[in-house]
C-alpha atoms as a PDB file:
ATOM      1  CA  MET A   1      95.452  94.967 109.074  1.00  0.00           C
ATOM      2  CA  PRO A   2      96.007  98.433 109.975  1.00  0.00           C
ATOM      3  CA  THR A   3      93.944  99.827 113.124  1.00  0.00           C
ATOM      4  CA  THR A   4      91.359 102.187 113.049  1.00  0.00           C
ATOM      5  CA  LEU A   5      92.440 105.605 115.098  1.00  0.00           C
ATOM      6  CA  LYS A   6      89.407 106.965 117.620  1.00  0.00           C
ATOM      7  CA  LYS A   7      88.104 110.298 116.270  1.00  0.00           C
ATOM      8  CA  LEU A   8      90.089 113.396 116.939  1.00  0.00           C
ATOM      9  CA  ARG A   9      88.556 115.966 118.750  1.00  0.00           C
ATOM     10  CA  LEU A  10      89.953 119.152 117.599  1.00  0.00           C
ATOM     11  CA  HIS A  11      90.945 122.587 119.023  1.00  0.00           C
ATOM     12  CA  GLY A  12      89.479 124.611 115.106  1.00  0.00           C
ATOM     13  CA  PHE A  13      89.814 123.116 111.383  1.00  0.00           C
ATOM     14  CA  ASN A  14      91.826 119.922 110.347  1.00  0.00           C
ATOM     15  CA  ASN A  15      94.722 121.777 109.055  1.00  0.00           C
ATOM     16  CA  LEU A  16      96.491 118.565 107.421  1.00  0.00           C
ATOM     17  CA  THR A  17      96.918 119.115 104.018  1.00  0.00           C
ATOM     18  CA  LYS A  18      96.714 115.202 102.296  1.00  0.00           C
ATOM     19  CA  THR A  19      97.913 114.788  98.494  1.00  0.00           C
ATOM     20  CA  LEU A  20      97.978 112.024  96.503  1.00  0.00           C
ATOM     21  CA  SER A  21     100.208 112.368  93.256  1.00  0.00           C
ATOM     22  CA  PHE A  22      98.504 109.572  90.460  1.00  0.00           C
ATOM     23  CA  ASN A  23     100.444 108.551  87.382  1.00  0.00           C
ATOM     24  CA  ILE A  24      98.932 106.230  84.857  1.00  0.00           C
ATOM     25  CA  TYR A  25     100.335 105.176  81.328  1.00  0.00           C
ATOM     26  CA  ASP A  26      98.819 103.242  78.718  1.00  0.00           C
ATOM     27  CA  VAL A  27     100.706 101.516  76.146  1.00  0.00           C
ATOM     28  CA  CYS A  28     100.397 100.608  72.296  1.00  0.00           C
ATOM     29  CA  TYR A  29     101.665  99.107  68.840  1.00  0.00           C
ATOM     30  CA  ALA A  30     101.362 101.103  66.009  1.00  0.00           C
ATOM     31  CA  ALA A  31     102.717  99.996  62.727  1.00  0.00           C
ATOM     32  CA  SER A  32     102.821 103.066  60.398  1.00  0.00           C
ATOM     33  CA  GLU A  33     102.764 106.851  60.618  1.00  0.00           C
ATOM     34  CA  GLU A  34      99.158 106.733  59.672  1.00  0.00           C
ATOM     35  CA  GLN A  35      97.971 104.766  62.317  1.00  0.00           C
ATOM     36  CA  ARG A  36     100.353 106.153  64.989  1.00  0.00           C
ATOM     37  CA  GLU A  37      98.949 109.433  64.353  1.00  0.00           C
ATOM     38  CA  ALA A  38      95.175 107.671  64.257  1.00  0.00           C
ATOM     39  CA  TYR A  39      96.424 106.543  67.871  1.00  0.00           C
ATOM     40  CA  ILE A  40      97.292 110.303  69.139  1.00  0.00           C
ATOM     41  CA  ALA A  41      93.911 111.346  67.483  1.00  0.00           C
ATOM     42  CA  TYR A  42      92.057 108.264  69.059  1.00  0.00           C
ATOM     43  CA  ILE A  43      93.639 109.296  72.718  1.00  0.00           C
ATOM     44  CA  ASP A  44      93.206 112.842  72.400  1.00  0.00           C
ATOM     45  CA  GLU A  45      89.454 112.329  72.046  1.00  0.00           C
ATOM     46  CA  ALA A  46      89.001 109.720  74.297  1.00  0.00           C
ATOM     47  CA  TYR A  47      90.573 111.872  77.104  1.00  0.00           C
ATOM     48  CA  ASN A  48      89.573 115.500  76.358  1.00  0.00           C
ATOM     49  CA  ALA A  49      88.951 118.150  78.723  1.00  0.00           C
ATOM     50  CA  GLU A  50      85.188 117.330  78.730  1.00  0.00           C
ATOM     51  CA  ARG A  51      85.807 113.690  79.862  1.00  0.00           C
ATOM     52  CA  LEU A  52      88.427 114.649  82.101  1.00  0.00           C
ATOM     53  CA  THR A  53      86.190 116.741  83.686  1.00  0.00           C
ATOM     54  CA  ALA A  54      83.432 114.391  84.295  1.00  0.00           C
ATOM     55  CA  ILE A  55      86.072 112.107  85.776  1.00  0.00           C
ATOM     56  CA  LEU A  56      87.117 114.765  88.481  1.00  0.00           C
ATOM     57  CA  THR A  57      83.954 115.504  89.052  1.00  0.00           C
ATOM     58  CA  ASP A  58      83.362 111.814  90.305  1.00  0.00           C
ATOM     59  CA  VAL A  59      86.706 112.083  92.113  1.00  0.00           C
ATOM     60  CA  ALA A  60      85.220 115.123  94.040  1.00  0.00           C
ATOM     61  CA  GLU A  61      81.828 113.543  95.132  1.00  0.00           C
ATOM     62  CA  ILE A  62      83.845 110.655  95.870  1.00  0.00           C
ATOM     63  CA  ILE A  63      86.020 112.275  98.266  1.00  0.00           C
ATOM     64  CA  GLY A  64      83.289 114.352  99.240  1.00  0.00           C
ATOM     65  CA  ALA A  65      83.958 117.979  98.581  1.00  0.00           C
ATOM     66  CA  ASN A  66      82.297 120.660  96.795  1.00  0.00           C
ATOM     67  CA  ILE A  67      83.861 121.822  93.497  1.00  0.00           C
ATOM     68  CA  LEU A  68      83.802 125.928  93.989  1.00  0.00           C
ATOM     69  CA  ASN A  69      85.255 126.689  90.136  1.00  0.00           C
ATOM     70  CA  ILE A  70      86.471 124.136  87.381  1.00  0.00           C
ATOM     71  CA  ALA A  71      89.060 125.292  84.477  1.00  0.00           C
ATOM     72  CA  HIS A  72      90.150 123.593  81.469  1.00  0.00           C
ATOM     73  CA  GLN A  73      91.535 123.294  78.419  1.00  0.00           C
ATOM     74  CA  ASP A  74      92.336 121.064  75.106  1.00  0.00           C
ATOM     75  CA  TYR A  75      95.705 122.375  73.334  1.00  0.00           C
ATOM     76  CA  ASP A  76      96.819 121.810  69.524  1.00  0.00           C
ATOM     77  CA  PRO A  77      98.416 119.486  68.421  1.00  0.00           C
ATOM     78  CA  GLN A  78      97.263 117.429  71.425  1.00  0.00           C
ATOM     79  CA  GLY A  79      96.650 117.041  75.096  1.00  0.00           C
ATOM     80  CA  ALA A  80      94.615 118.678  77.761  1.00  0.00           C
ATOM     81  CA  SER A  81      94.222 120.103  81.099  1.00  0.00           C
ATOM     82  CA  VAL A  82      91.602 120.128  84.045  1.00  0.00           C
ATOM     83  CA  THR A  83      91.815 122.017  87.482  1.00  0.00           C
ATOM     84  CA  MET A  84      89.356 122.189  90.114  1.00  0.00           C
ATOM     85  CA  LEU A  85      89.258 124.327  92.905  1.00  0.00           C
ATOM     86  CA  ILE A  86      87.328 122.372  95.675  1.00  0.00           C
ATOM     87  CA  SER A  87      86.461 122.377  99.624  1.00  0.00           C
ATOM     88  CA  GLU A  88      85.557 120.178 102.270  1.00  0.00           C
ATOM     89  CA  GLU A  89      81.503 119.575 102.184  1.00  0.00           C
ATOM     90  CA  GLY A  90      80.758 119.459 105.757  1.00  0.00           C
ATOM     91  CA  ILE A  91      77.609 116.834 105.551  1.00  0.00           C
ATOM     92  CA  VAL A  92      79.044 114.316 103.026  1.00  0.00           C
ATOM     93  CA  ALA A  93      82.552 114.507 104.773  1.00  0.00           C
ATOM     94  CA  GLU A  94      81.317 113.285 107.714  1.00  0.00           C
ATOM     95  CA  GLY A  95      79.712 110.006 106.433  1.00  0.00           C
ATOM     96  CA  ILE A  96      82.966 108.903 104.818  1.00  0.00           C
ATOM     97  CA  SER A  97      85.276 107.186 106.327  1.00  0.00           C
ATOM     98  CA  ASN A  98      89.091 107.202 106.470  1.00  0.00           C
ATOM     99  CA  ASN A  99      89.820 103.834 106.784  1.00  0.00           C
ATOM    100  CA  ALA A 100      91.910 101.996 104.964  1.00  0.00           C
ATOM    101  CA  THR A 101      89.349 100.261 102.933  1.00  0.00           C
ATOM    102  CA  PRO A 102      89.104 100.371  98.954  1.00  0.00           C
ATOM    103  CA  GLY A 103      87.371 103.445  97.546  1.00  0.00           C
ATOM    104  CA  PRO A 104      84.004 102.749  95.146  1.00  0.00           C
ATOM    105  CA  LEU A 105      84.287 101.566  91.557  1.00  0.00           C
ATOM    106  CA  PRO A 106      82.750 104.056  88.700  1.00  0.00           C
ATOM    107  CA  ASP A 107      79.388 102.263  88.527  1.00  0.00           C
ATOM    108  CA  ALA A 108      79.373 103.295  92.219  1.00  0.00           C
ATOM    109  CA  VAL A 109      79.572 106.760  93.178  1.00  0.00           C
ATOM    110  CA  VAL A 110      77.135 108.100  94.495  1.00  0.00           C
ATOM    111  CA  ALA A 111      78.564 111.292  97.036  1.00  0.00           C
ATOM    112  CA  HIS A 112      79.528 114.957  96.687  1.00  0.00           C
ATOM    113  CA  LEU A 113      82.378 117.881  96.887  1.00  0.00           C
ATOM    114  CA  ASP A 114      84.084 121.194  98.712  1.00  0.00           C
ATOM    115  CA  LYS A 115      88.468 123.222  99.675  1.00  0.00           C
ATOM    116  CA  SER A 116      91.784 122.230  97.573  1.00  0.00           C
ATOM    117  CA  HIS A 117      92.118 121.076  94.365  1.00  0.00           C
ATOM    118  CA  ILE A 118      92.418 118.397  91.881  1.00  0.00           C
ATOM    119  CA  THR A 119      94.386 118.703  88.260  1.00  0.00           C
ATOM    120  CA  VAL A 120      94.895 116.516  85.568  1.00  0.00           C
ATOM    121  CA  HIS A 121      97.502 117.002  82.402  1.00  0.00           C
ATOM    122  CA  THR A 122      97.854 114.303  79.673  1.00  0.00           C
ATOM    123  CA  TYR A 123     100.786 113.898  77.688  1.00  0.00           C
ATOM    124  CA  PRO A 124     100.443 111.278  74.337  1.00  0.00           C
ATOM    125  CA  GLU A 125     103.506 110.349  72.516  1.00  0.00           C
ATOM    126  CA  THR A 126     104.889 108.290  69.931  1.00  0.00           C
ATOM    127  CA  ASN A 127     108.484 106.828  69.096  1.00  0.00           C
ATOM    128  CA  PRO A 128     108.293 106.656  65.384  1.00  0.00           C
ATOM    129  CA  GLN A 129     111.779 104.277  65.451  1.00  0.00           C
ATOM    130  CA  THR A 130     109.283 101.257  67.159  1.00  0.00           C
ATOM    131  CA  GLY A 131     105.983 102.093  66.419  1.00  0.00           C
ATOM    132  CA  ILE A 132     105.553 102.363  70.339  1.00  0.00           C
ATOM    133  CA  SER A 133     102.986 105.040  71.244  1.00  0.00           C
ATOM    134  CA  THR A 134     102.596 105.608  75.018  1.00  0.00           C
ATOM    135  CA  PHE A 135      99.744 107.886  77.027  1.00  0.00           C
ATOM    136  CA  ARG A 136     100.310 109.326  80.081  1.00  0.00           C
ATOM    137  CA  ALA A 137      97.583 111.088  82.271  1.00  0.00           C
ATOM    138  CA  ASP A 138      98.749 112.783  85.813  1.00  0.00           C
ATOM    139  CA  ILE A 139      96.368 113.174  88.500  1.00  0.00           C
ATOM    140  CA  ASP A 140      96.805 115.157  91.667  1.00  0.00           C
ATOM    141  CA  VAL A 141      94.123 115.326  94.501  1.00  0.00           C
ATOM    142  CA  SER A 142      94.965 117.700  97.258  1.00  0.00           C
ATOM    143  CA  THR A 143      92.866 118.228 100.705  1.00  0.00           C
ATOM    144  CA  CYS A 144      93.150 119.981 103.319  1.00  0.00           C
ATOM    145  CA  GLY A 145      90.494 119.118 106.101  1.00  0.00           C
ATOM    146  CA  ARG A 146      89.764 115.207 107.279  1.00  0.00           C
ATOM    147  CA  ILE A 147      89.037 113.276 104.148  1.00  0.00           C
ATOM    148  CA  SER A 148      91.893 111.440 102.181  1.00  0.00           C
ATOM    149  CA  PRO A 149      92.011 111.588  98.342  1.00  0.00           C
ATOM    150  CA  LEU A 150      92.888 107.682  98.851  1.00  0.00           C
ATOM    151  CA  LYS A 151      89.344 106.870  98.458  1.00  0.00           C
ATOM    152  CA  ALA A 152      89.387 107.703  94.489  1.00  0.00           C
ATOM    153  CA  LEU A 153      92.255 105.555  93.816  1.00  0.00           C
ATOM    154  CA  ASN A 154      89.814 102.512  93.013  1.00  0.00           C
ATOM    155  CA  TYR A 155      87.785 104.898  90.511  1.00  0.00           C
ATOM    156  CA  LEU A 156      90.909 106.139  89.160  1.00  0.00           C
ATOM    157  CA  ILE A 157      92.571 103.105  88.429  1.00  0.00           C
ATOM    158  CA  HIS A 158      89.172 101.355  86.981  1.00  0.00           C
ATOM    159  CA  ALA A 159      87.892 104.245  85.571  1.00  0.00           C
ATOM    160  CA  LEU A 160      91.603 105.129  83.114  1.00  0.00           C
ATOM    161  CA  GLU A 161      92.303 101.036  82.192  1.00  0.00           C
ATOM    162  CA  SER A 162      95.880 101.991  82.756  1.00  0.00           C
ATOM    163  CA  ASP A 163      98.648  99.534  81.935  1.00  0.00           C
ATOM    164  CA  VAL A 164     101.382 101.392  84.301  1.00  0.00           C
ATOM    165  CA  VAL A 165     100.068 103.043  87.631  1.00  0.00           C
ATOM    166  CA  ILE A 166     102.720 105.045  89.572  1.00  0.00           C
ATOM    167  CA  MET A 167     101.222 106.602  92.978  1.00  0.00           C
ATOM    168  CA  ASP A 168     102.604 108.853  95.891  1.00  0.00           C
ATOM    169  CA  TYR A 169     100.601 109.692  98.779  1.00  0.00           C
ATOM    170  CA  ARG A 170     101.865 112.144 101.393  1.00  0.00           C
ATOM    171  CA  VAL A 171     100.620 114.270 104.437  1.00  0.00           C
ATOM    172  CA  ARG A 172     101.705 117.396 105.539  1.00  0.00           C
ATOM    173  CA  GLY A 173     101.315 120.354 107.905  1.00  0.00           C
ATOM    174  CA  PHE A 174      99.767 119.275 111.609  1.00  0.00           C
ATOM    175  CA  THR A 175      96.152 119.827 113.397  1.00  0.00           C
ATOM    176  CA  ARG A 176      95.813 120.411 117.307  1.00  0.00           C
ATOM    177  CA  ASP A 177      93.514 118.693 119.521  1.00  0.00           C
ATOM    178  CA  VAL A 178      91.965 120.153 121.890  1.00  0.00           C
ATOM    179  CA  ASN A 179      94.534 119.303 124.477  1.00  0.00           C
ATOM    180  CA  GLY A 180      96.937 121.276 122.341  1.00  0.00           C
ATOM    181  CA  ARG A 181      98.841 118.273 120.912  1.00  0.00           C
ATOM    182  CA  LYS A 182      99.923 118.315 117.694  1.00  0.00           C
ATOM    183  CA  HIS A 183      98.770 115.312 114.895  1.00  0.00           C
ATOM    184  CA  PHE A 184     100.969 115.036 111.971  1.00  0.00           C
ATOM    185  CA  ILE A 185      98.610 112.369 110.659  1.00  0.00           C
ATOM    186  CA  ASP A 186      94.686 111.780 111.452  1.00  0.00           C
ATOM    187  CA  HIS A 187      94.457 107.982 109.767  1.00  0.00           C
ATOM    188  CA  ASN A 188      96.660 104.920 110.014  1.00  0.00           C
ATOM    189  CA  ILE A 189      98.191 103.721 106.581  1.00  0.00           C
ATOM    190  CA  SER A 190     101.273 101.166 106.316  1.00  0.00           C
ATOM    191  CA  SER A 191     100.633 100.963 102.546  1.00  0.00           C
ATOM    192  CA  ILE A 192      98.642 102.668  99.406  1.00  0.00           C
ATOM    193  CA  GLN A 193      97.586  99.124  98.699  1.00  0.00           C
ATOM    194  CA  ASN A 194      95.094  98.915 102.061  1.00  0.00           C
ATOM    195  CA  TYR A 195      92.573 101.287  99.337  1.00  0.00           C
ATOM    196  CA  LEU A 196      92.265  99.103  96.647  1.00  0.00           C
ATOM    197  CA  SER A 197      90.071  96.260  95.659  1.00  0.00           C
ATOM    198  CA  ARG A 198      90.960  92.905  95.647  1.00  0.00           C
ATOM    199  CA  SER A 199      90.246  92.865  91.918  1.00  0.00           C
ATOM    200  CA  THR A 200      92.462  95.535  91.278  1.00  0.00           C
ATOM    201  CA  LYS A 201      95.441  93.867  93.093  1.00  0.00           C
ATOM    202  CA  ASN A 202      94.765  90.555  90.984  1.00  0.00           C
ATOM    203  CA  ARG A 203      95.026  92.408  88.039  1.00  0.00           C
ATOM    204  CA  TYR A 204      98.434  94.397  88.912  1.00  0.00           C
ATOM    205  CA  GLN A 205     101.800  93.263  90.001  1.00  0.00           C
ATOM    206  CA  MET A 206     102.456  95.492  92.717  1.00  0.00           C
ATOM    207  CA  VAL A 207     105.602  97.335  94.475  1.00  0.00           C
ATOM    208  CA  ASP A 208     105.895  99.712  97.644  1.00  0.00           C
ATOM    209  CA  VAL A 209     108.921 102.383  98.871  1.00  0.00           C
ATOM    210  CA  ASN A 210     107.193 103.640 102.064  1.00  0.00           C
ATOM    211  CA  VAL A 211     109.154 105.767 104.684  1.00  0.00           C
ATOM    212  CA  TYR A 212     106.624 105.756 107.342  1.00  0.00           C
ATOM    213  CA  GLN A 213     108.353 108.340 109.489  1.00  0.00           C
ATOM    214  CA  GLU A 214     108.009 111.213 106.970  1.00  0.00           C
ATOM    215  CA  ASN A 215     104.656 109.882 106.317  1.00  0.00           C
ATOM    216  CA  LEU A 216     105.265 109.407 102.302  1.00  0.00           C
ATOM    217  CA  PHE A 217     103.855 106.374 100.476  1.00  0.00           C
ATOM    218  CA  HIS A 218     104.717 105.083  97.290  1.00  0.00           C
ATOM    219  CA  THR A 219     103.205 102.159  95.075  1.00  0.00           C
ATOM    220  CA  LYS A 220     103.722 101.154  92.016  1.00  0.00           C
ATOM    221  CA  MET A 221     101.809  98.623  89.569  1.00  0.00           C
ATOM    222  CA  VAL A 222     102.266  97.425  86.151  1.00  0.00           C
ATOM    223  CA  ILE A 223      99.207  94.951  84.510  1.00  0.00           C
ATOM    224  CA  ARG A 224      99.839  91.272  85.633  1.00  0.00           C
ATOM    225  CA  ASP A 225      98.498  89.528  82.153  1.00  0.00           C
ATOM    226  CA  PHE A 226      99.924  90.741  79.356  1.00  0.00           C
ATOM    227  CA  ARG A 227      97.915  90.039  75.916  1.00  0.00           C
ATOM    228  CA  LEU A 228      99.363  91.121  72.564  1.00  0.00           C
ATOM    229  CA  ASP A 229      96.473  91.733  71.053  1.00  0.00           C
ATOM    230  CA  ASP A 230      95.089  94.595  74.349  1.00  0.00           C
ATOM    231  CA  TYR A 231      98.423  96.029  72.994  1.00  0.00           C
ATOM    232  CA  LEU A 232      97.818  96.413  68.852  1.00  0.00           C
ATOM    233  CA  PHE A 233      96.486  99.495  67.441  1.00  0.00           C
ATOM    234  CA  CYS A 234      94.438  99.106  64.143  1.00  0.00           C
ATOM    235  CA  ILE A 235      96.336  95.480  63.649  1.00  0.00           C
ATOM    236  CA  GLU A 236      95.100  92.086  64.365  1.00  0.00           C
ATOM    237  CA  GLU A 237      97.031  89.697  65.956  1.00  0.00           C
ATOM    238  CA  GLU A 238      96.600  87.144  63.979  1.00  0.00           C
ATOM    239  CA  ASP A 239      97.612  88.986  60.799  1.00  0.00           C
ATOM    240  CA  LEU A 240     101.268  89.177  62.513  1.00  0.00           C
ATOM    241  CA  SER A 241     103.957  86.745  61.028  1.00  0.00           C
ATOM    242  CA  SER A 242     105.787  84.991  64.042  1.00  0.00           C
ATOM    243  CA  GLN A 243     109.108  87.210  63.513  1.00  0.00           C
ATOM    244  CA  ASP A 244     107.141  90.050  64.007  1.00  0.00           C
ATOM    245  CA  HIS A 245     104.774  88.605  66.623  1.00  0.00           C
ATOM    246  CA  LYS A 246     108.035  87.767  68.568  1.00  0.00           C
ATOM    247  CA  ARG A 247     109.379  91.370  67.938  1.00  0.00           C
ATOM    248  CA  ILE A 248     106.249  93.741  68.858  1.00  0.00           C
ATOM    249  CA  GLN A 249     105.790  91.583  71.997  1.00  0.00           C
ATOM    250  CA  LYS A 250     109.321  91.777  73.112  1.00  0.00           C
ATOM    251  CA  LEU A 251     109.140  95.690  72.143  1.00  0.00           C
ATOM    252  CA  LEU A 252     105.917  96.363  74.172  1.00  0.00           C
ATOM    253  CA  ARG A 253     107.299  94.346  77.317  1.00  0.00           C
ATOM    254  CA  ARG A 254     110.438  96.335  77.451  1.00  0.00           C
ATOM    255  CA  GLU A 255     108.411  99.126  77.174  1.00  0.00           C
ATOM    256  CA  LEU A 256     106.464  98.019  80.238  1.00  0.00           C
ATOM    257  CA  SER A 257     109.191  97.240  82.233  1.00  0.00           C
ATOM    258  CA  GLU A 258     111.054 100.526  81.837  1.00  0.00           C
ATOM    259  CA  ILE A 259     107.920 102.737  82.400  1.00  0.00           C
ATOM    260  CA  PHE A 260     107.781 100.935  85.538  1.00  0.00           C
ATOM    261  CA  TYR A 261     111.013 100.617  86.896  1.00  0.00           C
ATOM    262  CA  GLY A 262     111.726 104.308  85.758  1.00  0.00           C
ATOM    263  CA  ARG A 263     114.761 103.658  83.731  1.00  0.00           C
ATOM    264  CA  ASN A 264     116.067 102.370  80.394  1.00  0.00           C
ATOM    265  CA  LEU A 265     117.069  98.308  80.538  1.00  0.00           C
ATOM    266  CA  GLY A 266     119.730  95.750  79.305  1.00  0.00           C
ATOM    267  CA  ARG A 267     118.996  94.132  76.514  1.00  0.00           C
ATOM    268  CA  ASN A 268     118.504  90.798  78.323  1.00  0.00           C
ATOM    269  CA  LEU A 269     115.710  92.121  80.581  1.00  0.00           C
ATOM    270  CA  GLU A 270     112.188  91.731  80.120  1.00  0.00           C
ATOM    271  CA  PHE A 271     108.297  92.515  81.137  1.00  0.00           C
ATOM    272  CA  MET A 272     107.486  91.039  84.683  1.00  0.00           C
ATOM    273  CA  GLY A 273     103.923  90.217  83.899  1.00  0.00           C
ATOM    274  CA  ASP A 274     102.781  86.694  83.209  1.00  0.00           C
END
């Protein structure tokens, strides 16, 4: 377990920039063109600019910031974007710990937001050859000051219920203490996983690639328990023939694996989940 750093006495403002890039993927199978269009319409409505704004507002509350400005846009034919300008809120920020512990879940958000930015962009797409449809949301949370955006991770994972999650966290710049010494990071971290709850860790398989000397941390996650019925849109698993059951399951497992590994895989390689 990482130890807790002693609080730094700073000369002026904390100039460290902490950025969390968070990419989530939702995968499904829709057999016909009509079903694929219905999936895109459903996901476009479920993650429209209004709902994304509500999610980012909760993120702002969790990390202890004040919202200065919000810009949001729904796109035609699909997709949405939201950008928030935020600044650190002194009273709330002082009460929030940077310890490597999980942040709150969606039903336990009770804080407030204030100087940097939060953005989200959505990307729905379909493959007419295979019937596989995917939805990607890219979220960036960048804070200048004491609070780490990692505290929002737990909430985002549970709020967006993703099949694959790719996360990058980096700390840039430096802050100076009262003795003039530079500090290039102000909290201990060995892995992004330190900020995830046990229930999240149990649901996903995870791989880390960290470059500690550069304050770069990377974690990717894929859902552990594969249930075909969770991935079928407008189709019931019991209505599938055994041949279709096997074919669709193979397609979905391959899609999850290729997204997780970030590359096209050979024919014999499949999803790592249970």
